[in-house]
Amino acid sequence: MSFLEFCCEYKTAIDFFGAFLGPIIAITVAYIAYQQWRTNKRREQREETQAKLSVYKRIKKFLRDVDNTCTIDPNLFEKFAEAVAEADFLFPDDVRDWLADVESEVSCWLDARRNIDLFKAEHPKEVEPSWILRDKKEMEEYIDKLQDAHCQLFIQFQKHIHLIGH
């Protein structure tokens, strides 16, 4: 059998497979594109989850320190404030509102601490006036609220941090 006869005899089969080659390539390219999209979507979800977990961990570290020491470390407060700022872009209103309340309690405690320290620095030998006792009592109440916030933290964040694969 010559090459020409071979081609004529199998032309139908070659045309048949040739007609399917374009759609097969198109389906393969579409499948690869879909897999890339899915991989990118998962990576974005992982990155978002990691950002949310980072915010959660910094807030937890701050509140755990407040819970343990009954005072506020200014360095941890700075990290807490940064985490709250990031949370504005990562979490819905319920978490942001809750964090604003926590931040307000911290600010009130810091203001009272500053006022007491300033008075003591300016009047080292004077007897503490009644407003200092009142402020100290309020500071204890702020710490109590922050300790409660530490207990509420997981509940506030749990519904908004979805671990992939769980």
Protein backbone atom coordinates (compact mmCIF):
# COMPACT_ATOMS: atom_id res chain seq x y z
CA MET A 1 0.00 0.00 0.00
CA SER A 2 1.37 3.36 -1.00
CA PHE A 3 1.36 6.44 1.13
CA LEU A 4 -1.35 8.02 -1.03
CA GLU A 5 -3.61 5.01 -0.66
CA PHE A 6 -2.95 5.00 3.09
CA CYS A 7 -3.93 8.67 3.34
CA CYS A 8 -7.12 8.14 1.35
CA GLU A 9 -8.10 5.11 3.34
CA TYR A 10 -7.58 6.78 6.71
CA LYS A 11 -8.60 10.32 5.68
CA THR A 12 -11.96 9.92 7.35
CA ALA A 13 -10.38 8.89 10.64
CA ILE A 14 -7.84 11.72 10.42
CA ASP A 15 -10.58 14.29 9.67
CA PHE A 16 -12.67 12.90 12.54
CA PHE A 17 -9.84 13.26 15.08
CA GLY A 18 -8.80 16.61 13.58
CA ALA A 19 -12.29 17.98 14.17
CA PHE A 20 -12.05 17.09 17.86
CA LEU A 21 -8.55 18.50 18.39
CA GLY A 22 -9.71 22.15 18.67
CA PRO A 23 -12.44 21.48 21.24
CA ILE A 24 -10.10 19.19 23.24
CA ILE A 25 -7.49 21.94 23.39
CA ALA A 26 -10.17 24.49 24.38
CA ILE A 27 -11.49 22.23 27.15
CA THR A 28 -7.93 21.61 28.41
CA VAL A 29 -7.15 25.34 28.46
CA ALA A 30 -10.44 26.08 30.25
CA TYR A 31 -9.71 23.39 32.85
CA ILE A 32 -6.22 24.77 33.50
CA ALA A 33 -7.62 28.31 33.82
CA TYR A 34 -10.26 27.07 36.27
CA GLN A 35 -7.63 25.30 38.38
CA GLN A 36 -5.51 28.47 38.46
CA TRP A 37 -8.53 30.55 39.50
CA ARG A 38 -9.34 28.04 42.26
CA THR A 39 -5.73 28.06 43.48
CA ASN A 40 -5.68 31.87 43.56
CA LYS A 41 -9.02 31.96 45.38
CA ARG A 42 -7.70 29.59 48.04
CA ARG A 43 -4.51 31.63 48.41
CA GLU A 44 -6.56 34.82 48.86
CA GLN A 45 -8.71 33.07 51.48
CA ARG A 46 -5.59 31.85 53.30
CA GLU A 47 -4.06 35.33 53.25
CA GLU A 48 -7.28 36.89 54.54
CA THR A 49 -7.52 34.28 57.28
CA GLN A 50 -3.89 34.90 58.24
CA ALA A 51 -4.52 38.66 58.43
CA LYS A 52 -7.58 38.11 60.62
CA LEU A 53 -5.67 35.70 62.86
CA SER A 54 -2.86 38.23 63.21
CA VAL A 55 -5.36 40.86 64.41
CA TYR A 56 -6.94 38.35 66.78
CA LYS A 57 -3.58 37.28 68.26
CA ARG A 58 -2.42 40.86 68.93
CA ILE A 59 -5.71 41.75 70.60
CA LYS A 60 -5.61 38.55 72.63
CA LYS A 61 -2.02 39.23 73.72
CA PHE A 62 -3.00 42.69 74.89
CA LEU A 63 -6.14 41.58 76.74
CA ARG A 64 -4.34 38.60 78.31
CA ASP A 65 -1.68 40.98 79.64
CA VAL A 66 -4.37 43.29 81.06
CA ASP A 67 -6.10 40.26 82.58
CA ASN A 68 -2.88 39.03 84.21
CA THR A 69 -1.35 42.33 85.35
CA CYS A 70 -4.44 44.51 85.95
CA THR A 71 -2.61 47.33 84.23
CA ILE A 72 -2.04 48.50 80.65
CA ASP A 73 1.35 48.20 78.98
CA PRO A 74 1.76 51.17 76.60
CA ASN A 75 3.80 49.09 74.13
CA LEU A 76 1.14 46.39 73.95
CA PHE A 77 -1.50 49.10 73.68
CA GLU A 78 0.24 50.43 70.55
CA LYS A 79 0.14 46.98 68.98
CA PHE A 80 -3.48 46.64 70.05
CA ALA A 81 -4.33 50.00 68.42
CA GLU A 82 -2.63 48.88 65.19
CA ALA A 83 -4.63 45.64 65.24
CA VAL A 84 -7.85 47.61 65.75
CA ALA A 85 -6.97 49.80 62.75
CA GLU A 86 -6.42 46.69 60.60
CA ALA A 87 -9.68 45.21 61.86
CA ASP A 88 -11.52 48.15 60.30
CA PHE A 89 -10.72 46.63 56.89
CA LEU A 90 -11.09 42.95 57.75
CA PHE A 91 -14.14 42.55 59.98
CA PRO A 92 -17.81 43.55 59.87
CA ASP A 93 -19.50 46.16 62.07
CA ASP A 94 -20.20 43.92 65.04
CA VAL A 95 -16.49 43.23 65.64
CA ARG A 96 -15.45 46.81 64.89
CA ASP A 97 -18.06 48.17 67.32
CA TRP A 98 -16.96 45.72 70.00
CA LEU A 99 -13.32 46.72 69.48
CA ALA A 100 -14.25 50.41 69.66
CA ASP A 101 -15.86 49.77 73.05
CA VAL A 102 -12.74 47.96 74.26
CA GLU A 103 -10.51 50.74 72.96
CA SER A 104 -12.69 53.30 74.73
CA GLU A 105 -12.25 51.48 78.06
CA VAL A 106 -8.48 51.44 77.51
CA SER A 107 -8.41 55.15 76.67
CA CYS A 108 -10.38 56.02 79.79
CA TRP A 109 -8.00 53.96 81.94
CA LEU A 110 -4.96 55.62 80.33
CA ASP A 111 -6.42 59.11 80.82
CA ALA A 112 -7.10 58.45 84.50
CA ARG A 113 -3.59 56.99 84.96
CA ARG A 114 -2.06 60.05 83.24
CA ASN A 115 -4.04 62.48 85.41
CA ILE A 116 -3.07 60.70 88.63
CA ASP A 117 0.60 60.48 87.64
CA LEU A 118 0.64 64.16 86.65
CA PHE A 119 -0.90 65.21 89.95
CA LYS A 120 1.58 63.10 91.92
CA ALA A 121 4.51 64.52 89.95
CA GLU A 122 3.35 68.10 90.56
CA HIS A 123 2.31 67.54 94.18
CA PRO A 124 4.55 64.79 95.55
CA LYS A 125 3.92 65.54 99.23
CA GLU A 126 0.23 66.33 99.16
CA VAL A 127 -2.46 63.99 100.34
CA GLU A 128 -4.37 62.46 97.47
CA PRO A 129 -7.58 64.38 96.81
CA SER A 130 -10.89 62.55 96.59
CA TRP A 131 -10.96 62.69 92.80
CA ILE A 132 -7.90 60.41 92.73
CA LEU A 133 -9.70 57.80 94.81
CA ARG A 134 -12.69 58.10 92.48
CA ASP A 135 -10.44 57.75 89.41
CA LYS A 136 -8.68 54.73 90.91
CA LYS A 137 -12.04 53.06 91.50
CA GLU A 138 -13.06 53.81 87.91
CA MET A 139 -9.73 52.39 86.72
CA GLU A 140 -10.54 49.15 88.51
CA GLU A 141 -13.89 49.08 86.75
CA TYR A 142 -12.20 49.64 83.37
CA ILE A 143 -9.84 46.74 84.10
CA ASP A 144 -12.83 44.57 85.05
CA LYS A 145 -14.49 45.40 81.72
CA LEU A 146 -11.27 44.62 79.86
CA GLN A 147 -11.01 41.31 81.66
CA ASP A 148 -14.58 40.58 80.58
CA ALA A 149 -13.59 41.54 77.03
CA HIS A 150 -10.81 38.97 77.21
CA CYS A 151 -13.46 36.35 77.98
CA GLN A 152 -15.64 37.56 75.07
CA LEU A 153 -12.82 37.79 72.53
CA PHE A 154 -13.07 34.30 71.06
CA ILE A 155 -16.85 34.53 70.70
CA GLN A 156 -16.57 37.89 68.92
CA PHE A 157 -14.00 36.65 66.39
CA GLN A 158 -14.91 32.99 65.96
CA LYS A 159 -17.71 33.51 63.47
CA HIS A 160 -15.54 35.72 61.25
CA ILE A 161 -12.37 33.63 61.02
CA HIS A 162 -12.96 30.61 58.86
CA LEU A 163 -10.09 28.17 58.90
CA ILE A 164 -9.68 26.53 55.51
CA GLY A 165 -10.10 22.79 55.64
CA HIS A 166 -12.27 22.92 58.81
